[in-house]
């Protein structure tokens, strides 16, 4: 359960059109913003689709940058007191011999001829965590001031408006690309092709199509277990598809090179496993009981009749839990942040959950 990596281009399927379109926008616009909810596949699209596409074209593009995490080297090598700038420089130039310079100088050094230098920063929403207002504005101003640079920023959709407010005026030409789920056809390809490419095993089209159809089906069930409604989602959530493929691989019959048509489809079991894993990891990070956290989430975000409930975010706590816990759950694709009324609110990230 992780994003695709650049070396896994041959395993990354179902996003050819999106990869080509984002690449086209990035090459032609001063600023392109790729946005979507957590788990929709923005990082995978960038690493598994867009970057390999540009490398084949011979485009001058820097390694994907981040404003949090990154390789470690002596802080003295980076003169800026801005922690966001320091981290971004680390991801661009991971060697310990980084010259004492800033963003604009690094970008000028990376230029090759008159063609624009392509620069991407992933998970830009991380710069909104904590007290980084001044550092964030300084970083965006430095990126906007860089000449002959085309910038791609990847951001979670709940931070899109804030990013546009702060960055929009600094760029004369801004393009937005909202990433949605996978079409049923693309999802079926993403089930079968990676297994075939990596192992030679086969997932029959009927099995892949049955998994996709089950992923698209949403059943609203009340506390008594009665199904009250049935809906069909317009697209497949890539995070859920990944969970199902992981479950499929774990339950693959031993010694079989191909799944039979009567292989049991258990999307609910796969999603329960992924959901429990995500909640358990968040609970462990905050030293909380995972069973109680799961029960709390079910009570607060699912009504007795099975419908979704929205919880407005409080100043420090939401529905009795610290906001940091809810932010962690949203980062894992369990909850989603909405902009409602005077401030943000939370709800279950996807009806299929």
Protein backbone atom coordinates (compact mmCIF):
# COMPACT_ATOMS: atom_id res chain seq x y z
CA UNK A 1 0.00 0.00 0.00
CA UNK A 2 2.30 2.72 -1.33
CA UNK A 3 2.62 4.93 -4.43
CA UNK A 4 4.32 3.65 -7.57
CA UNK A 5 8.01 4.42 -8.07
CA UNK A 6 9.73 5.60 -11.28
CA UNK A 7 11.36 2.19 -11.84
CA UNK A 8 7.88 0.61 -11.91
CA UNK A 9 6.69 2.33 -15.08
CA UNK A 10 5.89 -0.98 -16.79
CA UNK A 11 3.59 -1.95 -13.90
CA UNK A 12 1.76 1.40 -13.88
CA UNK A 13 -1.34 1.05 -16.05
CA UNK A 14 -4.68 2.71 -16.64
CA UNK A 15 -3.48 6.33 -16.61
CA UNK A 16 -2.04 6.88 -20.12
CA UNK A 17 -4.38 9.76 -20.98
CA UNK A 18 -3.88 11.48 -17.64
CA UNK A 19 -0.09 11.12 -17.89
CA UNK A 20 -0.02 12.66 -21.37
CA UNK A 21 -2.36 15.53 -20.42
CA UNK A 22 -0.48 16.49 -17.25
CA UNK A 23 2.80 16.33 -19.18
CA UNK A 24 1.37 18.61 -21.88
CA UNK A 25 0.12 21.16 -19.36
CA UNK A 26 3.37 21.11 -17.40
CA UNK A 27 5.45 21.75 -20.53
CA UNK A 28 3.25 24.60 -21.76
CA UNK A 29 2.18 26.50 -18.63
CA UNK A 30 4.06 28.50 -16.00
CA UNK A 31 2.21 26.72 -13.20
CA UNK A 32 0.23 23.49 -13.31
CA UNK A 33 -1.60 22.30 -10.20
CA UNK A 34 -2.45 18.60 -10.01
CA UNK A 35 -5.06 18.08 -7.30
CA UNK A 36 -7.32 15.40 -5.90
CA UNK A 37 -8.26 13.64 -2.65
CA UNK A 38 -5.82 11.56 -0.62
CA UNK A 39 -5.25 8.15 -2.17
CA UNK A 40 -6.49 9.07 -5.66
CA UNK A 41 -3.03 8.40 -7.11
CA UNK A 42 -1.39 11.81 -7.63
CA UNK A 43 2.06 10.63 -6.53
CA UNK A 44 1.75 7.40 -8.53
CA UNK A 45 0.71 9.35 -11.64
CA UNK A 46 3.68 11.67 -11.26
CA UNK A 47 6.31 8.97 -10.64
CA UNK A 48 4.91 6.07 -12.67
CA UNK A 49 3.40 7.98 -15.59
CA UNK A 50 4.37 11.61 -16.07
CA UNK A 51 8.09 11.50 -15.26
CA UNK A 52 8.89 8.45 -17.47
CA UNK A 53 6.84 10.05 -20.27
CA UNK A 54 8.96 13.22 -20.09
CA UNK A 55 12.23 11.31 -19.81
CA UNK A 56 11.45 9.57 -23.09
CA UNK A 57 10.94 12.99 -24.68
CA UNK A 58 14.32 14.17 -23.42
CA UNK A 59 12.80 17.03 -21.42
CA UNK A 60 14.96 18.81 -18.83
CA UNK A 61 13.20 17.93 -15.57
CA UNK A 62 14.43 17.94 -11.97
CA UNK A 63 13.81 15.05 -9.56
CA UNK A 64 10.43 15.38 -7.84
CA UNK A 65 10.74 17.65 -4.80
CA UNK A 66 9.08 17.52 -1.40
CA UNK A 67 8.66 20.05 1.39
CA UNK A 68 8.69 17.42 4.13
CA UNK A 69 10.96 14.44 4.71
CA UNK A 70 13.84 14.02 2.29
CA UNK A 71 17.46 12.87 2.61
CA UNK A 72 19.56 14.17 5.48
CA UNK A 73 22.81 16.08 5.20
CA UNK A 74 24.47 18.80 7.34
CA UNK A 75 22.23 21.83 7.80
CA UNK A 76 25.24 24.11 7.35
CA UNK A 77 25.25 23.14 3.69
CA UNK A 78 21.99 25.04 3.19
CA UNK A 79 22.11 28.70 4.22
CA UNK A 80 18.35 29.32 4.32
CA UNK A 81 16.71 29.33 7.78
CA UNK A 82 13.47 28.38 6.00
CA UNK A 83 12.80 24.70 6.84
CA UNK A 84 10.57 24.24 3.76
CA UNK A 85 13.30 25.59 1.47
CA UNK A 86 15.94 23.40 3.13
CA UNK A 87 13.86 20.27 2.69
CA UNK A 88 13.03 21.07 -0.93
CA UNK A 89 16.71 21.60 -1.73
CA UNK A 90 17.54 18.27 -0.08
CA UNK A 91 15.19 16.42 -2.39
CA UNK A 92 16.53 18.18 -5.49
CA UNK A 93 20.21 17.81 -4.63
CA UNK A 94 20.59 14.90 -2.19
CA UNK A 95 24.41 14.88 -2.22
CA UNK A 96 26.12 16.07 0.95
CA UNK A 97 28.26 18.45 -1.10
CA UNK A 98 25.38 20.81 -1.82
CA UNK A 99 26.76 24.27 -2.65
CA UNK A 100 25.80 27.12 -0.28
CA UNK A 101 23.03 28.61 -2.39
CA UNK A 102 19.27 28.99 -2.59
CA UNK A 103 16.37 27.92 -4.79
CA UNK A 104 16.83 30.36 -7.64
CA UNK A 105 20.56 29.64 -7.93
CA UNK A 106 19.97 25.86 -7.94
CA UNK A 107 17.37 26.25 -10.69
CA UNK A 108 19.68 28.40 -12.80
CA UNK A 109 22.43 25.80 -12.45
CA UNK A 110 20.01 23.11 -13.63
CA UNK A 111 19.00 24.94 -16.82
CA UNK A 112 20.14 23.53 -20.17
CA UNK A 113 19.73 25.92 -23.07
CA UNK A 114 16.66 28.04 -23.85
CA UNK A 115 14.03 25.38 -23.16
CA UNK A 116 12.15 25.62 -19.83
CA UNK A 117 13.28 23.62 -16.83
CA UNK A 118 10.44 21.49 -15.44
CA UNK A 119 10.15 21.44 -11.66
CA UNK A 120 7.64 19.41 -9.60
CA UNK A 121 6.87 19.56 -5.89
CA UNK A 122 4.71 16.72 -4.58
CA UNK A 123 2.43 16.71 -1.51
CA UNK A 124 2.57 20.49 -1.25
CA UNK A 125 -0.21 20.33 1.37
CA UNK A 126 2.48 19.41 3.90
CA UNK A 127 3.61 23.04 4.02
CA UNK A 128 0.26 23.96 5.59
CA UNK A 129 0.94 21.79 8.66
CA UNK A 130 2.26 23.66 11.66
CA UNK A 131 3.24 27.32 11.84
CA UNK A 132 4.85 27.87 8.44
CA UNK A 133 2.94 30.89 7.09
CA UNK A 134 5.98 33.10 6.51
CA UNK A 135 8.13 30.21 5.27
CA UNK A 136 5.39 29.11 2.90
CA UNK A 137 5.00 32.56 1.37
CA UNK A 138 8.78 32.88 1.02
CA UNK A 139 9.02 29.51 -0.73
CA UNK A 140 6.18 30.26 -3.16
CA UNK A 141 7.67 33.68 -3.93
CA UNK A 142 11.07 32.11 -4.67
CA UNK A 143 9.49 29.57 -7.02
CA UNK A 144 7.45 32.28 -8.77
CA UNK A 145 10.56 34.45 -9.24
CA UNK A 146 12.56 31.67 -10.94
CA UNK A 147 13.01 32.36 -14.64
CA UNK A 148 12.51 29.87 -17.46
CA UNK A 149 10.91 27.38 -15.05
CA UNK A 150 7.62 25.54 -15.48
CA UNK A 151 6.29 24.42 -12.12
CA UNK A 152 4.02 21.50 -11.23
CA UNK A 153 2.53 21.43 -7.74
CA UNK A 154 0.65 18.36 -6.48
CA UNK A 155 -1.80 19.12 -3.70
CA UNK A 156 -4.67 17.44 -1.86
CA UNK A 157 -7.96 18.97 -2.93
CA UNK A 158 -8.83 20.41 0.49
CA UNK A 159 -5.79 22.71 0.21
CA UNK A 160 -6.37 23.77 -3.40
CA UNK A 161 -8.14 27.05 -2.63
CA UNK A 162 -5.49 28.09 -0.10
CA UNK A 163 -2.73 27.32 -2.60
CA UNK A 164 -4.46 29.28 -5.36
CA UNK A 165 -4.92 32.27 -3.05
CA UNK A 166 -1.21 32.34 -2.19
CA UNK A 167 0.40 31.25 -5.44
CA UNK A 168 -2.00 32.32 -8.17
CA UNK A 169 -0.94 35.99 -8.40
CA UNK A 170 2.73 35.10 -8.83
CA UNK A 171 2.20 33.08 -12.01
CA UNK A 172 0.78 34.55 -15.24
CA UNK A 173 -0.44 31.25 -16.64
CA UNK A 174 -2.02 28.68 -14.30
CA UNK A 175 -3.55 25.34 -15.32
CA UNK A 176 -5.57 23.06 -13.05
CA UNK A 177 -5.90 19.30 -13.46
CA UNK A 178 -8.21 17.42 -11.12
CA UNK A 179 -7.40 13.72 -10.88
CA UNK A 180 -10.36 11.42 -10.47
CA UNK A 181 -10.82 7.69 -10.13
CA UNK A 182 -10.14 5.01 -12.72
CA UNK A 183 -12.62 4.12 -15.43
CA UNK A 184 -13.87 0.52 -15.23
CA UNK A 185 -11.79 -0.43 -18.26
CA UNK A 186 -8.62 1.17 -16.86
CA UNK A 187 -9.22 -0.48 -13.48
CA UNK A 188 -9.56 -3.93 -15.09
CA UNK A 189 -6.28 -3.36 -16.95
CA UNK A 190 -4.60 -2.30 -13.70
CA UNK A 191 -5.66 -5.60 -12.11
CA UNK A 192 -4.39 -7.90 -14.84
CA UNK A 193 -1.45 -6.27 -16.59
CA UNK A 194 0.98 -5.78 -13.64
CA UNK A 195 0.55 -9.40 -12.53
CA UNK A 196 1.20 -10.61 -16.07
CA UNK A 197 4.22 -8.30 -16.59
CA UNK A 198 5.87 -9.13 -13.26
CA UNK A 199 5.04 -12.81 -12.73
CA UNK A 200 3.54 -14.28 -15.91
CA UNK A 201 0.38 -15.21 -14.04
CA UNK A 202 -3.01 -14.47 -15.54
CA UNK A 203 -6.13 -12.80 -14.18
CA UNK A 204 -8.97 -13.75 -16.57
CA UNK A 205 -10.98 -10.76 -17.85
CA UNK A 206 -14.12 -12.11 -16.18
CA UNK A 207 -12.42 -12.11 -12.76
CA UNK A 208 -11.03 -8.60 -13.23
CA UNK A 209 -14.40 -7.30 -14.42
CA UNK A 210 -16.17 -8.90 -11.43
CA UNK A 211 -13.73 -7.21 -9.02
CA UNK A 212 -14.23 -3.86 -10.72
CA UNK A 213 -18.01 -4.17 -10.70
CA UNK A 214 -17.96 -4.98 -6.99
CA UNK A 215 -15.70 -1.98 -6.31
CA UNK A 216 -18.18 0.26 -8.12
CA UNK A 217 -21.15 -1.03 -6.13
CA UNK A 218 -22.10 0.91 -2.98
CA UNK A 219 -24.62 -0.63 -0.59
CA UNK A 220 -26.20 1.49 2.15
CA UNK A 221 -26.89 -0.77 5.14
CA UNK A 222 -28.49 0.33 8.42
CA UNK A 223 -27.71 -0.83 11.97
CA UNK A 224 -30.01 -3.84 11.62
CA UNK A 225 -28.10 -5.08 8.57
CA UNK A 226 -30.90 -4.21 6.17
CA UNK A 227 -29.82 -2.89 2.79
CA UNK A 228 -31.61 0.43 2.28
CA UNK A 229 -30.10 1.52 -1.02
CA UNK A 230 -27.74 0.46 -3.75
CA UNK A 231 -25.68 2.83 -5.86
CA UNK A 232 -23.06 2.55 -8.58
CA UNK A 233 -20.02 4.80 -8.30
CA UNK A 234 -18.84 6.52 -11.50
CA UNK A 235 -15.18 5.48 -11.10
CA UNK A 236 -12.90 3.16 -9.12
CA UNK A 237 -10.90 4.54 -6.22
CA UNK A 238 -7.24 3.58 -6.93
CA UNK A 239 -6.49 3.14 -3.23
CA UNK A 240 -9.31 0.61 -2.95
CA UNK A 241 -8.17 -1.12 -6.12
CA UNK A 242 -4.69 -1.47 -4.64
CA UNK A 243 -6.17 -3.00 -1.49
CA UNK A 244 -8.16 -5.50 -3.55
CA UNK A 245 -5.11 -6.46 -5.63
CA UNK A 246 -3.07 -7.00 -2.48
CA UNK A 247 -5.81 -9.25 -1.10
CA UNK A 248 -6.05 -11.07 -4.46
CA UNK A 249 -2.32 -11.79 -4.44
CA UNK A 250 -2.37 -13.02 -0.83
CA UNK A 251 -5.24 -15.41 -1.53
CA UNK A 252 -3.97 -16.64 -4.91
CA UNK A 253 -4.34 -20.45 -4.98
CA UNK A 254 -0.98 -22.16 -4.56
CA UNK A 255 0.42 -23.65 -7.73
CA UNK A 256 -2.14 -21.95 -10.01
CA UNK A 257 -0.88 -19.80 -12.88
CA UNK A 258 -4.35 -18.42 -13.61
CA UNK A 259 -7.36 -17.62 -11.43
CA UNK A 260 -10.42 -19.67 -12.24
CA UNK A 261 -13.76 -18.12 -13.08
CA UNK A 262 -15.28 -19.37 -9.81
CA UNK A 263 -12.57 -17.72 -7.68
CA UNK A 264 -14.42 -15.99 -4.82
CA UNK A 265 -14.60 -12.21 -5.12
CA UNK A 266 -14.33 -10.59 -1.67
CA UNK A 267 -13.93 -6.85 -2.12
CA UNK A 268 -15.50 -6.19 1.29
CA UNK A 269 -12.91 -8.37 2.98
CA UNK A 270 -10.07 -6.60 1.16
CA UNK A 271 -11.36 -3.14 2.06
CA UNK A 272 -12.00 -4.14 5.68
CA UNK A 273 -8.41 -5.35 5.91
CA UNK A 274 -7.02 -2.12 4.41
CA UNK A 275 -9.30 0.06 6.55
CA UNK A 276 -8.36 -1.78 9.75
CA UNK A 277 -4.66 -1.51 8.88
CA UNK A 278 -4.90 2.24 8.30
CA UNK A 279 -6.87 2.85 11.51
CA UNK A 280 -4.50 0.61 13.47
CA UNK A 281 -1.42 2.49 12.27
CA UNK A 282 -2.95 5.87 13.13
CA UNK A 283 -4.00 4.54 16.54
CA UNK A 284 -0.47 3.31 17.22
CA UNK A 285 1.03 6.66 16.20
CA UNK A 286 -1.17 8.46 18.75
CA UNK A 287 -1.05 5.71 21.40
CA UNK A 288 -4.76 4.94 21.20
CA UNK A 289 -6.79 1.73 21.21
CA UNK A 290 -7.51 0.82 17.56
CA UNK A 291 -10.79 -0.89 18.44
CA UNK A 292 -12.05 2.22 20.20
CA UNK A 293 -10.83 4.46 17.38
CA UNK A 294 -12.66 2.29 14.85
CA UNK A 295 -15.82 2.34 16.96
CA UNK A 296 -15.55 6.11 17.38
CA UNK A 297 -15.21 6.58 13.59
CA UNK A 298 -18.22 4.35 12.88
CA UNK A 299 -20.36 6.20 15.44
CA UNK A 300 -19.35 9.70 14.38
CA UNK A 301 -19.29 9.33 10.61
CA UNK A 302 -22.00 6.77 9.83
CA UNK A 303 -25.61 7.43 10.86
CA UNK A 304 -27.80 4.58 12.19
CA UNK A 305 -29.60 4.51 8.82
CA UNK A 306 -26.28 3.96 7.00
CA UNK A 307 -25.91 7.46 5.57
CA UNK A 308 -22.68 9.44 5.89
CA UNK A 309 -22.36 12.07 8.60
CA UNK A 310 -20.20 15.22 8.52
CA UNK A 311 -18.29 16.46 11.55
CA UNK A 312 -17.26 20.15 11.60
CA UNK A 313 -13.67 20.68 12.74
CA UNK A 314 -13.26 22.34 16.11
CA UNK A 315 -10.43 24.65 17.22
CA UNK A 316 -8.35 21.81 18.68
CA UNK A 317 -10.64 18.74 18.72
CA UNK A 318 -13.30 17.34 16.42
CA UNK A 319 -16.02 15.08 17.85
CA UNK A 320 -13.86 14.53 20.94
CA UNK A 321 -10.56 13.63 19.27
CA UNK A 322 -7.53 15.87 18.59
CA UNK A 323 -7.53 17.32 15.09
CA UNK A 324 -4.12 15.75 14.49
CA UNK A 325 -5.72 12.29 14.67
CA UNK A 326 -8.34 13.24 12.09
CA UNK A 327 -5.68 14.75 9.84
CA UNK A 328 -3.75 11.47 10.04
CA UNK A 329 -6.89 9.51 9.12
CA UNK A 330 -7.52 11.82 6.17
CA UNK A 331 -3.93 11.35 5.02
CA UNK A 332 -4.53 7.59 4.97
CA UNK A 333 -7.67 7.88 2.84
CA UNK A 334 -10.06 7.00 5.70
CA UNK A 335 -11.53 10.48 6.12
CA UNK A 336 -11.83 13.41 3.76
CA UNK A 337 -11.61 17.12 4.54
CA UNK A 338 -14.46 19.27 3.27
CA UNK A 339 -14.81 23.02 3.14
CA UNK A 340 -18.15 23.65 4.80
CA UNK A 341 -19.59 26.85 6.28
CA UNK A 342 -17.05 28.77 8.34
CA UNK A 343 -14.33 26.13 8.25
CA UNK A 344 -13.26 22.60 7.39
CA UNK A 345 -15.22 19.47 8.22
CA UNK A 346 -14.60 15.72 7.99
CA UNK A 347 -16.50 12.82 6.51
CA UNK A 348 -15.70 9.26 5.40
CA UNK A 349 -13.44 9.56 2.37
CA UNK A 350 -15.43 7.28 0.08
CA UNK A 351 -18.93 5.80 0.19
CA UNK A 352 -17.49 2.35 -0.53
CA UNK A 353 -15.89 2.42 2.95
